Amino acid sequence: MQSETVQSETRAVLAPGLRRVTAPNPSPMTFTGTQTYILGEGAVCVIDPGPALRPHLEAILAALEPGERVSKILVTHSHLDHSPLARPLADATGAPILAAGPSDWGISPVMADLGEAVGGGEGVDPDFAPDEQIAEGDDIDGIAVLETPGHMANHLSFAWDGALFSGDLVMGWSTSLVSPPDGDMTAFFASLDKLKARSDRIYYPGHGDPVRAPQARCAELIAHRRTREAQILSALAAIGPANAEMLARHIYTDVAPALLPAAARNVLAHLIDLTTRARIHPQGPLHANALFRPE
């Protein structure tokens, strides 16, 4: 676990029984840092302990009131900015780690068949292993578990007292990276539709501020992805067979060059989804650099 000096933590009380501690890992992909949430009073649950930074572990423990203890550790998904601190926190508190499964859990048959051919694996915590696996419909001390794959196959969301902890599926400051095979655009659309149909009043995401019009934000993200899909189909019609990188450069004209590789991963996720729906076809075997043509 890293122990070097990092910037000071940001702590806030968001609502009765809800505290937030922001990890000191700001970046273009994490915004101001990973949000760790502490739910309840007395015996509390911690959602998304965050990256393996010792100052963040100390800040989480310091955010507890005298006499409080961590009873459970919940993880939305096992990316390196969300899950690595779970084991040190468990060791420090004796609390079990609850999640959908390890980092290779829940990958769809389509993505499992593609495997390493499509690359991926960015930011995945390869050593993550929960003490207990939880699933859709489980109730953890009044916290309802929802399976919401898309950003990552083992992604969960947690509903509590009218609020939803949406991990990296729905954020207000940005759209999510969907990088195959861990990310799945088909599942991403399905999870957004699922959340949009709910009546949660507020989302607490893995990065950034609370989302205070969550159903509208879900609709906005769906519309954004459908627009991107239409752009991909239009580009393929205009420039002929192309791969994800070529399409990203053609479509993402306002993105900094350093972010184009991430944009290309999102495009690849769309290309795989469109292929499964027979809207486009790869020229030869489907892989990370495959050329695609429209139907």
C-alpha atoms as a PDB file:
ATOM      1  CA  MET A   1       0.000   0.000   0.000  1.00  0.00           C
ATOM      2  CA  GLN A   2       1.332   3.412  -0.947  1.00  0.00           C
ATOM      3  CA  SER A   3       2.287   5.619   1.991  1.00  0.00           C
ATOM      4  CA  GLU A   4       3.804   8.680   0.327  1.00  0.00           C
ATOM      5  CA  THR A   5       2.565  12.157   1.166  1.00  0.00           C
ATOM      6  CA  VAL A   6      -0.574  13.070  -0.761  1.00  0.00           C
ATOM      7  CA  GLN A   7      -2.941  16.016  -0.731  1.00  0.00           C
ATOM      8  CA  SER A   8      -5.327  16.390   2.185  1.00  0.00           C
ATOM      9  CA  GLU A   9      -8.628  14.537   2.260  1.00  0.00           C
ATOM     10  CA  THR A  10     -12.039  16.097   1.722  1.00  0.00           C
ATOM     11  CA  ARG A  11     -14.681  14.960   4.215  1.00  0.00           C
ATOM     12  CA  ALA A  12     -18.356  15.858   4.264  1.00  0.00           C
ATOM     13  CA  VAL A  13     -21.618  14.914   5.932  1.00  0.00           C
ATOM     14  CA  LEU A  14     -24.089  14.542   3.048  1.00  0.00           C
ATOM     15  CA  ALA A  15     -27.226  13.533   4.973  1.00  0.00           C
ATOM     16  CA  PRO A  16     -28.166  12.059   8.342  1.00  0.00           C
ATOM     17  CA  GLY A  17     -26.278   8.793   8.557  1.00  0.00           C
ATOM     18  CA  LEU A  18     -24.209   9.447   5.443  1.00  0.00           C
ATOM     19  CA  ARG A  19     -20.608  10.662   5.317  1.00  0.00           C
ATOM     20  CA  ARG A  20     -18.202  10.947   2.391  1.00  0.00           C
ATOM     21  CA  VAL A  21     -14.428  10.834   2.322  1.00  0.00           C
ATOM     22  CA  THR A  22     -12.786  11.754  -1.002  1.00  0.00           C
ATOM     23  CA  ALA A  23      -9.579   9.898  -1.820  1.00  0.00           C
ATOM     24  CA  PRO A  24      -6.531  11.937  -2.852  1.00  0.00           C
ATOM     25  CA  ASN A  25      -6.335  10.444  -6.367  1.00  0.00           C
ATOM     26  CA  PRO A  26      -7.585  13.195  -8.705  1.00  0.00           C
ATOM     27  CA  SER A  27      -6.971  12.650 -12.420  1.00  0.00           C
ATOM     28  CA  PRO A  28      -8.691  13.096 -15.788  1.00  0.00           C
ATOM     29  CA  MET A  29     -10.308   9.679 -15.243  1.00  0.00           C
ATOM     30  CA  THR A  30     -11.216  10.061 -11.539  1.00  0.00           C
ATOM     31  CA  PHE A  31     -12.118  13.781 -11.445  1.00  0.00           C
ATOM     32  CA  THR A  32     -11.570  15.065  -7.879  1.00  0.00           C
ATOM     33  CA  GLY A  33     -10.907  11.543  -6.574  1.00  0.00           C
ATOM     34  CA  THR A  34     -12.761   8.392  -5.584  1.00  0.00           C
ATOM     35  CA  GLN A  35     -15.702   8.935  -3.246  1.00  0.00           C
ATOM     36  CA  THR A  36     -15.796   6.608  -0.244  1.00  0.00           C
ATOM     37  CA  TYR A  37     -19.142   6.581   1.555  1.00  0.00           C
ATOM     38  CA  ILE A  38     -19.814   5.710   5.207  1.00  0.00           C
ATOM     39  CA  LEU A  39     -23.410   4.681   5.894  1.00  0.00           C
ATOM     40  CA  GLY A  40     -25.156   4.480   9.236  1.00  0.00           C
ATOM     41  CA  GLU A  41     -24.152   5.157  12.808  1.00  0.00           C
ATOM     42  CA  GLY A  42     -22.569   2.866  15.363  1.00  0.00           C
ATOM     43  CA  ALA A  43     -22.009  -0.206  13.189  1.00  0.00           C
ATOM     44  CA  VAL A  44     -21.412   1.384   9.771  1.00  0.00           C
ATOM     45  CA  CYS A  45     -20.993   0.161   6.209  1.00  0.00           C
ATOM     46  CA  VAL A  46     -18.244   1.541   3.986  1.00  0.00           C
ATOM     47  CA  ILE A  47     -18.884   1.690   0.222  1.00  0.00           C
ATOM     48  CA  ASP A  48     -15.852   1.718  -2.101  1.00  0.00           C
ATOM     49  CA  PRO A  49     -12.798   2.051   0.159  1.00  0.00           C
ATOM     50  CA  GLY A  50     -10.841   3.311  -2.843  1.00  0.00           C
ATOM     51  CA  PRO A  51      -7.197   3.105  -3.954  1.00  0.00           C
ATOM     52  CA  ALA A  52      -4.433   1.592  -1.854  1.00  0.00           C
ATOM     53  CA  LEU A  53      -3.280   4.808  -0.216  1.00  0.00           C
ATOM     54  CA  ARG A  54      -2.457   4.679   3.497  1.00  0.00           C
ATOM     55  CA  PRO A  55      -3.536   8.303   4.110  1.00  0.00           C
ATOM     56  CA  HIS A  56      -6.966   7.420   2.735  1.00  0.00           C
ATOM     57  CA  LEU A  57      -7.250   4.410   5.047  1.00  0.00           C
ATOM     58  CA  GLU A  58      -6.345   6.665   7.966  1.00  0.00           C
ATOM     59  CA  ALA A  59      -8.891   9.253   6.835  1.00  0.00           C
ATOM     60  CA  ILE A  60     -11.700   6.674   6.647  1.00  0.00           C
ATOM     61  CA  LEU A  61     -10.931   5.460  10.168  1.00  0.00           C
ATOM     62  CA  ALA A  62     -10.638   9.046  11.415  1.00  0.00           C
ATOM     63  CA  ALA A  63     -14.102   9.815  10.002  1.00  0.00           C
ATOM     64  CA  LEU A  64     -15.668   7.344  12.443  1.00  0.00           C
ATOM     65  CA  GLU A  65     -17.169   8.705  15.632  1.00  0.00           C
ATOM     66  CA  PRO A  66     -15.856   7.439  18.987  1.00  0.00           C
ATOM     67  CA  GLY A  67     -17.209   3.956  19.603  1.00  0.00           C
ATOM     68  CA  GLU A  68     -18.194   3.357  15.983  1.00  0.00           C
ATOM     69  CA  ARG A  69     -16.997   0.333  14.049  1.00  0.00           C
ATOM     70  CA  VAL A  70     -17.033  -0.781  10.430  1.00  0.00           C
ATOM     71  CA  SER A  71     -19.339  -3.795  10.157  1.00  0.00           C
ATOM     72  CA  LYS A  72     -19.255  -4.353   6.390  1.00  0.00           C
ATOM     73  CA  ILE A  73     -17.289  -3.171   3.368  1.00  0.00           C
ATOM     74  CA  LEU A  74     -19.228  -2.963   0.089  1.00  0.00           C
ATOM     75  CA  VAL A  75     -17.516  -2.613  -3.289  1.00  0.00           C
ATOM     76  CA  THR A  76     -19.347  -1.440  -6.409  1.00  0.00           C
ATOM     77  CA  HIS A  77     -16.691  -2.860  -8.744  1.00  0.00           C
ATOM     78  CA  SER A  78     -13.061  -3.869  -8.771  1.00  0.00           C
ATOM     79  CA  HIS A  79     -11.168  -1.122 -10.542  1.00  0.00           C
ATOM     80  CA  LEU A  80      -7.926   0.063  -8.971  1.00  0.00           C
ATOM     81  CA  ASP A  81      -9.471   3.340  -7.832  1.00  0.00           C
ATOM     82  CA  HIS A  82     -12.293   1.593  -5.950  1.00  0.00           C
ATOM     83  CA  SER A  83     -11.321  -1.771  -4.468  1.00  0.00           C
ATOM     84  CA  PRO A  84      -7.640  -2.178  -3.449  1.00  0.00           C
ATOM     85  CA  LEU A  85      -8.073  -0.532  -0.039  1.00  0.00           C
ATOM     86  CA  ALA A  86     -10.836  -3.005   0.842  1.00  0.00           C
ATOM     87  CA  ARG A  87      -8.434  -5.640   2.168  1.00  0.00           C
ATOM     88  CA  PRO A  88      -6.343  -3.255   4.317  1.00  0.00           C
ATOM     89  CA  LEU A  89      -9.570  -1.784   5.713  1.00  0.00           C
ATOM     90  CA  ALA A  90     -10.869  -5.287   6.439  1.00  0.00           C
ATOM     91  CA  ASP A  91      -7.605  -6.159   8.173  1.00  0.00           C
ATOM     92  CA  ALA A  92      -7.811  -2.992  10.262  1.00  0.00           C
ATOM     93  CA  THR A  93     -11.460  -3.412  11.271  1.00  0.00           C
ATOM     94  CA  GLY A  94     -12.324  -7.104  10.986  1.00  0.00           C
ATOM     95  CA  ALA A  95     -15.201  -6.267   8.635  1.00  0.00           C
ATOM     96  CA  PRO A  96     -15.963  -8.602   5.705  1.00  0.00           C
ATOM     97  CA  ILE A  97     -15.725  -7.450   2.073  1.00  0.00           C
ATOM     98  CA  LEU A  98     -18.935  -7.877   0.057  1.00  0.00           C
ATOM     99  CA  ALA A  99     -19.095  -7.623  -3.743  1.00  0.00           C
ATOM    100  CA  ALA A 100     -20.520  -9.378  -6.786  1.00  0.00           C
ATOM    101  CA  GLY A 101     -17.358 -11.374  -7.274  1.00  0.00           C
ATOM    102  CA  PRO A 102     -13.707 -11.169  -8.322  1.00  0.00           C
ATOM    103  CA  SER A 103     -12.582  -9.108 -11.280  1.00  0.00           C
ATOM    104  CA  ASP A 104     -13.333 -11.830 -13.845  1.00  0.00           C
ATOM    105  CA  TRP A 105     -16.844 -12.428 -12.515  1.00  0.00           C
ATOM    106  CA  GLY A 106     -19.956 -11.907 -14.637  1.00  0.00           C
ATOM    107  CA  ILE A 107     -18.388 -11.332 -18.053  1.00  0.00           C
ATOM    108  CA  SER A 108     -21.000 -12.060 -20.725  1.00  0.00           C
ATOM    109  CA  PRO A 109     -20.599 -15.058 -23.047  1.00  0.00           C
ATOM    110  CA  VAL A 110     -19.931 -12.677 -25.943  1.00  0.00           C
ATOM    111  CA  MET A 111     -17.095 -10.966 -24.073  1.00  0.00           C
ATOM    112  CA  ALA A 112     -15.763 -14.261 -22.713  1.00  0.00           C
ATOM    113  CA  ASP A 113     -15.494 -15.593 -26.271  1.00  0.00           C
ATOM    114  CA  LEU A 114     -13.588 -12.498 -27.363  1.00  0.00           C
ATOM    115  CA  GLY A 115     -11.256 -12.619 -24.360  1.00  0.00           C
ATOM    116  CA  GLU A 116      -7.784 -11.206 -24.914  1.00  0.00           C
ATOM    117  CA  ALA A 117      -8.470 -10.586 -28.616  1.00  0.00           C
ATOM    118  CA  VAL A 118     -10.005  -7.200 -27.762  1.00  0.00           C
ATOM    119  CA  GLY A 119      -7.315  -6.128 -25.293  1.00  0.00           C
ATOM    120  CA  GLY A 120      -8.674  -4.219 -22.310  1.00  0.00           C
ATOM    121  CA  GLY A 121      -7.938  -4.733 -18.650  1.00  0.00           C
ATOM    122  CA  GLU A 122      -7.201  -1.068 -17.978  1.00  0.00           C
ATOM    123  CA  GLY A 123      -7.313  -0.289 -14.305  1.00  0.00           C
ATOM    124  CA  VAL A 124      -8.612  -3.694 -13.215  1.00  0.00           C
ATOM    125  CA  ASP A 125      -7.679  -4.867  -9.703  1.00  0.00           C
ATOM    126  CA  PRO A 126      -6.453  -8.400 -10.513  1.00  0.00           C
ATOM    127  CA  ASP A 127      -6.113  -9.482  -6.889  1.00  0.00           C
ATOM    128  CA  PHE A 128      -9.586  -8.486  -5.742  1.00  0.00           C
ATOM    129  CA  ALA A 129     -11.516 -11.252  -3.988  1.00  0.00           C
ATOM    130  CA  PRO A 130     -14.514 -10.517  -1.735  1.00  0.00           C
ATOM    131  CA  ASP A 131     -15.149 -12.456   1.443  1.00  0.00           C
ATOM    132  CA  GLU A 132     -18.823 -12.793   0.502  1.00  0.00           C
ATOM    133  CA  GLN A 133     -20.515 -12.608  -2.884  1.00  0.00           C
ATOM    134  CA  ILE A 134     -23.776 -10.673  -3.057  1.00  0.00           C
ATOM    135  CA  ALA A 135     -26.365 -10.442  -5.814  1.00  0.00           C
ATOM    136  CA  GLU A 136     -29.477  -8.695  -7.077  1.00  0.00           C
ATOM    137  CA  GLY A 137     -32.196  -8.619  -4.424  1.00  0.00           C
ATOM    138  CA  ASP A 138     -29.931  -9.101  -1.420  1.00  0.00           C
ATOM    139  CA  ASP A 139     -30.501  -6.789   1.546  1.00  0.00           C
ATOM    140  CA  ILE A 140     -27.415  -5.765   3.518  1.00  0.00           C
ATOM    141  CA  ASP A 141     -28.516  -4.026   6.711  1.00  0.00           C
ATOM    142  CA  GLY A 142     -31.165  -2.056   4.820  1.00  0.00           C
ATOM    143  CA  ILE A 143     -29.027  -1.567   1.715  1.00  0.00           C
ATOM    144  CA  ALA A 144     -30.538  -3.162  -1.405  1.00  0.00           C
ATOM    145  CA  VAL A 145     -28.199  -4.710  -3.947  1.00  0.00           C
ATOM    146  CA  LEU A 146     -28.685  -4.090  -7.681  1.00  0.00           C
ATOM    147  CA  GLU A 147     -26.648  -5.699 -10.436  1.00  0.00           C
ATOM    148  CA  THR A 148     -25.664  -2.943 -12.885  1.00  0.00           C
ATOM    149  CA  PRO A 149     -22.989  -4.241 -15.275  1.00  0.00           C
ATOM    150  CA  GLY A 150     -21.696  -2.221 -18.192  1.00  0.00           C
ATOM    151  CA  HIS A 151     -18.793  -0.122 -16.950  1.00  0.00           C
ATOM    152  CA  MET A 152     -17.483  -3.414 -15.551  1.00  0.00           C
ATOM    153  CA  ALA A 153     -19.095  -6.848 -15.446  1.00  0.00           C
ATOM    154  CA  ASN A 154     -19.021  -7.133 -11.638  1.00  0.00           C
ATOM    155  CA  HIS A 155     -20.485  -3.645 -11.126  1.00  0.00           C
ATOM    156  CA  LEU A 156     -23.151  -3.283  -8.429  1.00  0.00           C
ATOM    157  CA  SER A 157     -25.216  -0.312  -7.263  1.00  0.00           C
ATOM    158  CA  PHE A 158     -26.645   0.055  -3.763  1.00  0.00           C
ATOM    159  CA  ALA A 159     -30.015   1.567  -2.857  1.00  0.00           C
ATOM    160  CA  TRP A 160     -30.486   3.095   0.601  1.00  0.00           C
ATOM    161  CA  ASP A 161     -33.137   5.379   2.036  1.00  0.00           C
ATOM    162  CA  GLY A 162     -34.249   6.758  -1.339  1.00  0.00           C
ATOM    163  CA  ALA A 163     -30.683   7.211  -2.561  1.00  0.00           C
ATOM    164  CA  LEU A 164     -28.604   5.104  -4.932  1.00  0.00           C
ATOM    165  CA  PHE A 165     -24.845   4.625  -4.842  1.00  0.00           C
ATOM    166  CA  SER A 166     -24.194   4.367  -8.560  1.00  0.00           C
ATOM    167  CA  GLY A 167     -20.467   3.672  -8.650  1.00  0.00           C
ATOM    168  CA  ASP A 168     -19.076   4.529 -12.068  1.00  0.00           C
ATOM    169  CA  LEU A 169     -22.214   3.652 -14.026  1.00  0.00           C
ATOM    170  CA  VAL A 170     -23.854   7.085 -13.633  1.00  0.00           C
ATOM    171  CA  MET A 171     -21.876  10.212 -12.785  1.00  0.00           C
ATOM    172  CA  GLY A 172     -22.750  13.842 -13.259  1.00  0.00           C
ATOM    173  CA  TRP A 173     -19.375  15.189 -14.368  1.00  0.00           C
ATOM    174  CA  SER A 174     -18.660  12.692 -17.160  1.00  0.00           C
ATOM    175  CA  THR A 175     -19.786   9.630 -19.037  1.00  0.00           C
ATOM    176  CA  SER A 176     -18.224   6.278 -18.111  1.00  0.00           C
ATOM    177  CA  LEU A 177     -15.450   4.382 -19.823  1.00  0.00           C
ATOM    178  CA  VAL A 178     -16.754   1.110 -21.289  1.00  0.00           C
ATOM    179  CA  SER A 179     -13.729  -0.959 -22.292  1.00  0.00           C
ATOM    180  CA  PRO A 180     -14.238  -4.560 -23.462  1.00  0.00           C
ATOM    181  CA  PRO A 181     -14.134  -7.288 -22.349  1.00  0.00           C
ATOM    182  CA  ASP A 182     -14.604  -6.019 -18.756  1.00  0.00           C
ATOM    183  CA  GLY A 183     -16.884  -3.272 -20.043  1.00  0.00           C
ATOM    184  CA  ASP A 184     -19.918  -4.177 -22.144  1.00  0.00           C
ATOM    185  CA  MET A 185     -21.977  -1.600 -24.041  1.00  0.00           C
ATOM    186  CA  THR A 186     -24.981  -3.919 -24.397  1.00  0.00           C
ATOM    187  CA  ALA A 187     -25.058  -4.367 -20.617  1.00  0.00           C
ATOM    188  CA  PHE A 188     -24.412  -0.646 -20.111  1.00  0.00           C
ATOM    189  CA  PHE A 189     -27.572   0.291 -22.025  1.00  0.00           C
ATOM    190  CA  ALA A 190     -29.589  -2.316 -20.098  1.00  0.00           C
ATOM    191  CA  SER A 191     -28.358  -1.053 -16.722  1.00  0.00           C
ATOM    192  CA  LEU A 192     -29.157   2.571 -17.593  1.00  0.00           C
ATOM    193  CA  ASP A 193     -32.668   1.540 -18.665  1.00  0.00           C
ATOM    194  CA  LYS A 194     -33.044  -0.354 -15.399  1.00  0.00           C
ATOM    195  CA  LEU A 195     -32.038   2.614 -13.234  1.00  0.00           C
ATOM    196  CA  LYS A 196     -34.065   5.104 -15.268  1.00  0.00           C
ATOM    197  CA  ALA A 197     -37.196   3.085 -14.478  1.00  0.00           C
ATOM    198  CA  ARG A 198     -36.597   3.407 -10.720  1.00  0.00           C
ATOM    199  CA  SER A 199     -37.700   6.266  -8.489  1.00  0.00           C
ATOM    200  CA  ASP A 200     -34.476   6.998  -6.584  1.00  0.00           C
ATOM    201  CA  ARG A 201     -34.350  10.684  -5.607  1.00  0.00           C
ATOM    202  CA  ILE A 202     -30.557  11.139  -5.718  1.00  0.00           C
ATOM    203  CA  TYR A 203     -27.423   9.284  -6.832  1.00  0.00           C
ATOM    204  CA  TYR A 204     -24.120   9.292  -4.999  1.00  0.00           C
ATOM    205  CA  PRO A 205     -21.550   8.379  -7.662  1.00  0.00           C
ATOM    206  CA  GLY A 206     -18.037   7.025  -7.400  1.00  0.00           C
ATOM    207  CA  HIS A 207     -16.630  10.367  -8.572  1.00  0.00           C
ATOM    208  CA  GLY A 208     -17.983  13.886  -8.464  1.00  0.00           C
ATOM    209  CA  ASP A 209     -20.978  15.531  -6.841  1.00  0.00           C
ATOM    210  CA  PRO A 210     -24.364  13.924  -6.143  1.00  0.00           C
ATOM    211  CA  VAL A 211     -26.663  13.555  -9.146  1.00  0.00           C
ATOM    212  CA  ARG A 212     -29.876  15.324  -8.107  1.00  0.00           C
ATOM    213  CA  ALA A 213     -32.000  14.533 -11.181  1.00  0.00           C
ATOM    214  CA  PRO A 214     -31.008  10.900 -11.609  1.00  0.00           C
ATOM    215  CA  GLN A 215     -33.687   9.702 -14.050  1.00  0.00           C
ATOM    216  CA  ALA A 216     -32.967  12.662 -16.321  1.00  0.00           C
ATOM    217  CA  ARG A 217     -29.247  11.929 -16.130  1.00  0.00           C
ATOM    218  CA  CYS A 218     -29.833   8.279 -17.097  1.00  0.00           C
ATOM    219  CA  ALA A 219     -31.923   9.430 -20.066  1.00  0.00           C
ATOM    220  CA  GLU A 220     -29.197  11.901 -21.021  1.00  0.00           C
ATOM    221  CA  LEU A 221     -26.513   9.209 -20.932  1.00  0.00           C
ATOM    222  CA  ILE A 222     -28.638   6.847 -23.029  1.00  0.00           C
ATOM    223  CA  ALA A 223     -29.237   9.604 -25.587  1.00  0.00           C
ATOM    224  CA  HIS A 224     -25.514  10.419 -25.618  1.00  0.00           C
ATOM    225  CA  ARG A 225     -24.605   6.808 -26.332  1.00  0.00           C
ATOM    226  CA  ARG A 226     -27.249   6.486 -29.053  1.00  0.00           C
ATOM    227  CA  THR A 227     -25.878   9.661 -30.647  1.00  0.00           C
ATOM    228  CA  ARG A 228     -22.379   8.194 -30.535  1.00  0.00           C
ATOM    229  CA  GLU A 229     -23.729   5.001 -32.104  1.00  0.00           C
ATOM    230  CA  ALA A 230     -25.273   7.012 -34.933  1.00  0.00           C
ATOM    231  CA  GLN A 231     -21.960   8.856 -35.439  1.00  0.00           C
ATOM    232  CA  ILE A 232     -20.119   5.553 -35.733  1.00  0.00           C
ATOM    233  CA  LEU A 233     -22.563   4.235 -38.330  1.00  0.00           C
ATOM    234  CA  SER A 234     -22.369   7.507 -40.249  1.00  0.00           C
ATOM    235  CA  ALA A 235     -18.563   7.480 -40.171  1.00  0.00           C
ATOM    236  CA  LEU A 236     -18.396   3.897 -41.413  1.00  0.00           C
ATOM    237  CA  ALA A 237     -20.680   4.836 -44.309  1.00  0.00           C
ATOM    238  CA  ALA A 238     -18.505   7.862 -45.101  1.00  0.00           C
ATOM    239  CA  ILE A 239     -14.959   6.525 -44.780  1.00  0.00           C
ATOM    240  CA  GLY A 240     -15.467   2.836 -45.461  1.00  0.00           C
ATOM    241  CA  PRO A 241     -14.063  -0.008 -43.360  1.00  0.00           C
ATOM    242  CA  ALA A 242     -12.421   1.364 -40.221  1.00  0.00           C
ATOM    243  CA  ASN A 243     -11.237   0.230 -36.824  1.00  0.00           C
ATOM    244  CA  ALA A 244     -11.972   1.701 -33.407  1.00  0.00           C
ATOM    245  CA  GLU A 245      -8.917   3.988 -33.377  1.00  0.00           C
ATOM    246  CA  MET A 246      -9.679   5.402 -36.834  1.00  0.00           C
ATOM    247  CA  LEU A 247     -13.286   6.030 -35.869  1.00  0.00           C
ATOM    248  CA  ALA A 248     -12.319   7.681 -32.582  1.00  0.00           C
ATOM    249  CA  ARG A 249     -10.051  10.138 -34.405  1.00  0.00           C
ATOM    250  CA  HIS A 250     -12.822  10.861 -36.897  1.00  0.00           C
ATOM    251  CA  ILE A 251     -15.560  11.364 -34.262  1.00  0.00           C
ATOM    252  CA  TYR A 252     -13.823  12.735 -31.137  1.00  0.00           C
ATOM    253  CA  THR A 253     -12.489  15.902 -32.745  1.00  0.00           C
ATOM    254  CA  ASP A 254     -12.659  17.932 -29.507  1.00  0.00           C
ATOM    255  CA  VAL A 255     -10.885  15.435 -27.221  1.00  0.00           C
ATOM    256  CA  ALA A 256      -7.322  15.935 -25.997  1.00  0.00           C
ATOM    257  CA  PRO A 257      -4.900  13.516 -27.711  1.00  0.00           C
ATOM    258  CA  ALA A 258      -4.075  11.885 -24.375  1.00  0.00           C
ATOM    259  CA  LEU A 259      -7.712  10.799 -24.007  1.00  0.00           C
ATOM    260  CA  LEU A 260      -8.093   9.342 -27.510  1.00  0.00           C
ATOM    261  CA  PRO A 261      -7.073   5.804 -26.434  1.00  0.00           C
ATOM    262  CA  ALA A 262      -9.934   5.784 -23.900  1.00  0.00           C
ATOM    263  CA  ALA A 263     -12.278   7.136 -26.577  1.00  0.00           C
ATOM    264  CA  ALA A 264     -11.210   4.316 -28.886  1.00  0.00           C
ATOM    265  CA  ARG A 265     -12.096   1.771 -26.191  1.00  0.00           C
ATOM    266  CA  ASN A 266     -15.596   3.265 -25.954  1.00  0.00           C
ATOM    267  CA  VAL A 267     -15.899   3.087 -29.740  1.00  0.00           C
ATOM    268  CA  LEU A 268     -14.818  -0.566 -29.686  1.00  0.00           C
ATOM    269  CA  ALA A 269     -17.530  -1.299 -27.110  1.00  0.00           C
ATOM    270  CA  HIS A 270     -20.082   0.259 -29.475  1.00  0.00           C
ATOM    271  CA  LEU A 271     -18.694  -1.723 -32.404  1.00  0.00           C
ATOM    272  CA  ILE A 272     -19.078  -5.006 -30.522  1.00  0.00           C
ATOM    273  CA  ASP A 273     -22.635  -4.097 -29.492  1.00  0.00           C
ATOM    274  CA  LEU A 274     -23.516  -3.152 -33.081  1.00  0.00           C
ATOM    275  CA  THR A 275     -21.981  -6.416 -34.303  1.00  0.00           C
ATOM    276  CA  THR A 276     -24.109  -8.497 -31.923  1.00  0.00           C
ATOM    277  CA  ARG A 277     -27.166  -6.668 -33.308  1.00  0.00           C
ATOM    278  CA  ALA A 278     -26.023  -7.358 -36.906  1.00  0.00           C
ATOM    279  CA  ARG A 279     -25.842  -3.643 -37.717  1.00  0.00           C
ATOM    280  CA  ILE A 280     -22.182  -3.938 -38.777  1.00  0.00           C
ATOM    281  CA  HIS A 281     -19.706  -6.728 -39.492  1.00  0.00           C
ATOM    282  CA  PRO A 282     -15.984  -7.125 -38.832  1.00  0.00           C
ATOM    283  CA  GLN A 283     -13.714  -7.998 -41.708  1.00  0.00           C
ATOM    284  CA  GLY A 284     -12.339 -11.284 -40.412  1.00  0.00           C
ATOM    285  CA  PRO A 285     -12.083 -12.250 -36.737  1.00  0.00           C
ATOM    286  CA  LEU A 286     -13.206  -9.671 -34.207  1.00  0.00           C
ATOM    287  CA  HIS A 287     -10.238  -8.179 -32.335  1.00  0.00           C
ATOM    288  CA  ALA A 288      -9.091  -4.815 -30.968  1.00  0.00           C
ATOM    289  CA  ASN A 289      -7.862  -3.539 -34.343  1.00  0.00           C
ATOM    290  CA  ALA A 290     -10.439  -5.230 -36.557  1.00  0.00           C
ATOM    291  CA  LEU A 291     -11.896  -3.270 -39.457  1.00  0.00           C
ATOM    292  CA  PHE A 292     -15.678  -2.959 -39.513  1.00  0.00           C
ATOM    293  CA  ARG A 293     -18.097  -2.285 -42.348  1.00  0.00           C
ATOM    294  CA  PRO A 294     -21.776  -1.389 -42.215  1.00  0.00           C
ATOM    295  CA  GLU A 295     -24.459  -3.946 -43.063  1.00  0.00           C
END
